[in-house]
């Protein structure tokens, strides 16, 4: 999934999951499911950010 998903899409899905969790209207099972979804999107976003940071480091080190 993360191969085709853009960072902004994953972030939007994470924000939506958090919004629903904070809304307090989900059942326990729904809350657990949304929490799992949120963790998945956190991992996807973190992976993308780490890759971007590595690219920036390579580009800035190569510029010297």
N, C-alpha and C. Protein backbone atom coordinates (compact mmCIF):
# COMPACT_ATOMS: atom_id res chain seq x y z
N UNK A 1 0.83 -1.19 0.00
CA UNK A 1 0.00 0.00 0.00
C UNK A 1 0.87 1.25 0.00
N UNK A 2 1.91 1.26 0.82
CA UNK A 2 2.71 2.47 0.92
C UNK A 2 3.50 2.75 -0.36
N UNK A 3 3.65 1.73 -1.24
CA UNK A 3 4.38 1.93 -2.48
C UNK A 3 3.63 2.87 -3.42
N UNK A 4 2.32 2.82 -3.41
CA UNK A 4 1.54 3.65 -4.32
C UNK A 4 0.92 4.87 -3.63
N UNK A 5 0.92 4.85 -2.32
CA UNK A 5 0.30 5.94 -1.56
C UNK A 5 1.27 7.10 -1.41
N UNK A 6 0.78 8.29 -1.62
CA UNK A 6 1.58 9.49 -1.41
C UNK A 6 1.54 9.86 0.08
N UNK A 7 2.56 10.60 0.49
CA UNK A 7 2.65 11.01 1.89
C UNK A 7 1.39 11.76 2.33
N UNK A 8 0.94 12.67 1.50
CA UNK A 8 -0.23 13.49 1.85
C UNK A 8 -1.47 12.63 2.03
N UNK A 9 -1.59 11.57 1.23
CA UNK A 9 -2.74 10.67 1.37
C UNK A 9 -2.68 9.90 2.69
N UNK A 10 -1.49 9.40 3.02
CA UNK A 10 -1.33 8.66 4.27
C UNK A 10 -1.57 9.58 5.46
N UNK A 11 -1.08 10.80 5.39
CA UNK A 11 -1.28 11.76 6.47
C UNK A 11 -2.77 12.09 6.63
N UNK A 12 -3.47 12.25 5.52
CA UNK A 12 -4.91 12.54 5.59
C UNK A 12 -5.67 11.38 6.23
N UNK A 13 -5.29 10.14 5.89
CA UNK A 13 -5.94 8.98 6.49
C UNK A 13 -5.63 8.89 7.98
N UNK A 14 -4.41 9.23 8.35
CA UNK A 14 -4.04 9.25 9.76
C UNK A 14 -4.86 10.30 10.50
N UNK A 15 -4.96 11.48 9.94
CA UNK A 15 -5.74 12.55 10.57
C UNK A 15 -7.20 12.17 10.72
N UNK A 16 -7.74 11.49 9.72
CA UNK A 16 -9.14 11.05 9.78
C UNK A 16 -9.34 10.03 10.90
N UNK A 17 -8.41 9.08 11.02
CA UNK A 17 -8.51 8.07 12.07
C UNK A 17 -8.45 8.75 13.45
N UNK A 18 -7.55 9.70 13.60
CA UNK A 18 -7.42 10.42 14.88
C UNK A 18 -8.69 11.21 15.17
N UNK A 19 -9.23 11.86 14.15
CA UNK A 19 -10.46 12.63 14.33
C UNK A 19 -11.60 11.74 14.83
N UNK A 20 -11.73 10.57 14.21
CA UNK A 20 -12.78 9.64 14.63
C UNK A 20 -12.55 9.13 16.05
N UNK A 21 -11.30 8.84 16.37
CA UNK A 21 -10.99 8.37 17.72
C UNK A 21 -11.29 9.46 18.76
N UNK A 22 -10.95 10.68 18.44
CA UNK A 22 -11.18 11.77 19.37
C UNK A 22 -12.66 12.13 19.48
N UNK A 23 -13.45 11.76 18.47
CA UNK A 23 -14.87 12.07 18.48
C UNK A 23 -15.63 11.36 19.58
N UNK A 24 -15.12 10.23 20.02
CA UNK A 24 -15.74 9.51 21.13
C UNK A 24 -17.04 8.80 20.80
N UNK A 25 -17.35 8.63 19.52
CA UNK A 25 -18.62 8.00 19.15
C UNK A 25 -18.44 6.58 18.64
N UNK A 26 -17.23 6.08 18.65
CA UNK A 26 -16.97 4.73 18.15
C UNK A 26 -17.16 3.71 19.26
N UNK A 27 -17.54 2.51 18.87
CA UNK A 27 -17.58 1.42 19.84
C UNK A 27 -16.15 1.03 20.17
N UNK A 28 -15.99 0.18 21.14
CA UNK A 28 -14.66 -0.28 21.52
C UNK A 28 -13.98 -0.98 20.35
N UNK A 29 -14.71 -1.87 19.69
CA UNK A 29 -14.13 -2.58 18.55
C UNK A 29 -13.75 -1.63 17.42
N UNK A 30 -14.60 -0.66 17.14
CA UNK A 30 -14.30 0.33 16.11
C UNK A 30 -13.09 1.18 16.50
N UNK A 31 -13.01 1.51 17.77
CA UNK A 31 -11.87 2.30 18.25
C UNK A 31 -10.57 1.54 18.09
N UNK A 32 -10.59 0.27 18.42
CA UNK A 32 -9.38 -0.55 18.26
C UNK A 32 -8.99 -0.64 16.80
N UNK A 33 -9.97 -0.83 15.94
CA UNK A 33 -9.70 -0.90 14.50
C UNK A 33 -9.10 0.42 13.98
N UNK A 34 -9.68 1.53 14.40
CA UNK A 34 -9.17 2.85 13.97
C UNK A 34 -7.77 3.10 14.53
N UNK A 35 -7.54 2.64 15.76
CA UNK A 35 -6.22 2.79 16.36
C UNK A 35 -5.18 2.00 15.56
N UNK A 36 -5.54 0.79 15.16
CA UNK A 36 -4.65 -0.02 14.33
C UNK A 36 -4.39 0.66 12.99
N UNK A 37 -5.44 1.23 12.41
CA UNK A 37 -5.28 1.97 11.16
C UNK A 37 -4.33 3.15 11.35
N UNK A 38 -4.52 3.87 12.44
CA UNK A 38 -3.68 5.03 12.71
C UNK A 38 -2.21 4.62 12.83
N UNK A 39 -1.95 3.53 13.53
CA UNK A 39 -0.57 3.05 13.66
C UNK A 39 0.03 2.68 12.31
N UNK A 40 -0.78 2.08 11.46
CA UNK A 40 -0.32 1.72 10.12
C UNK A 40 0.09 2.97 9.34
N UNK A 41 -0.73 4.00 9.42
CA UNK A 41 -0.42 5.23 8.68
C UNK A 41 0.73 6.01 9.30
N UNK A 42 0.90 5.91 10.61
CA UNK A 42 2.06 6.52 11.26
C UNK A 42 3.33 5.87 10.72
N UNK A 43 3.32 4.55 10.62
CA UNK A 43 4.50 3.83 10.11
C UNK A 43 4.78 4.21 8.66
N UNK A 44 3.74 4.28 7.86
CA UNK A 44 3.91 4.66 6.46
C UNK A 44 4.50 6.05 6.35
N UNK A 45 3.95 7.00 7.10
CA UNK A 45 4.46 8.38 7.07
C UNK A 45 5.90 8.45 7.55
N UNK A 46 6.20 7.74 8.63
CA UNK A 46 7.57 7.75 9.15
C UNK A 46 8.55 7.18 8.13
N UNK A 47 8.18 6.09 7.48
CA UNK A 47 9.05 5.49 6.46
C UNK A 47 9.31 6.48 5.33
N UNK A 48 8.26 7.14 4.89
CA UNK A 48 8.41 8.11 3.80
C UNK A 48 9.29 9.29 4.21
N UNK A 49 9.09 9.76 5.44
CA UNK A 49 9.90 10.88 5.93
C UNK A 49 11.37 10.48 6.08
N UNK A 50 11.62 9.27 6.54
CA UNK A 50 13.00 8.80 6.66
C UNK A 50 13.67 8.71 5.30
N UNK A 51 12.95 8.21 4.31
CA UNK A 51 13.50 8.12 2.95
C UNK A 51 13.78 9.51 2.38
N UNK A 52 12.88 10.43 2.63
CA UNK A 52 13.08 11.80 2.14
C UNK A 52 14.29 12.42 2.83
N UNK A 53 14.43 12.18 4.12
CA UNK A 53 15.57 12.72 4.86
C UNK A 53 16.89 12.15 4.32
N UNK A 54 16.90 10.87 4.00
CA UNK A 54 18.10 10.25 3.44
C UNK A 54 18.45 10.87 2.09
N UNK A 55 17.44 11.11 1.27
CA UNK A 55 17.68 11.74 -0.03
C UNK A 55 18.26 13.14 0.12
N UNK A 56 17.70 13.90 1.07
CA UNK A 56 18.19 15.27 1.31
C UNK A 56 19.64 15.22 1.78
N UNK A 57 19.97 14.28 2.66
CA UNK A 57 21.34 14.15 3.14
C UNK A 57 22.29 13.83 1.99
N UNK A 58 21.86 12.92 1.12
CA UNK A 58 22.69 12.56 -0.04
C UNK A 58 22.88 13.77 -0.96
N UNK A 59 21.82 14.48 -1.19
CA UNK A 59 21.90 15.64 -2.07
C UNK A 59 22.77 16.75 -1.48
N UNK A 60 22.62 17.00 -0.19
CA UNK A 60 23.40 18.07 0.42
C UNK A 60 24.86 17.67 0.62
N UNK A 61 25.13 16.41 0.86
CA UNK A 61 26.51 15.97 1.00
C UNK A 61 27.19 15.93 -0.36
N UNK A 62 26.44 15.55 -1.37
CA UNK A 62 26.99 15.50 -2.71
C UNK A 62 27.27 16.88 -3.28
N UNK A 63 26.63 17.91 -2.72
CA UNK A 63 26.81 19.26 -3.22
C UNK A 63 28.12 19.88 -2.76
N UNK A 64 28.74 19.28 -1.74
CA UNK A 64 29.99 19.85 -1.21
C UNK A 64 31.16 19.63 -2.11
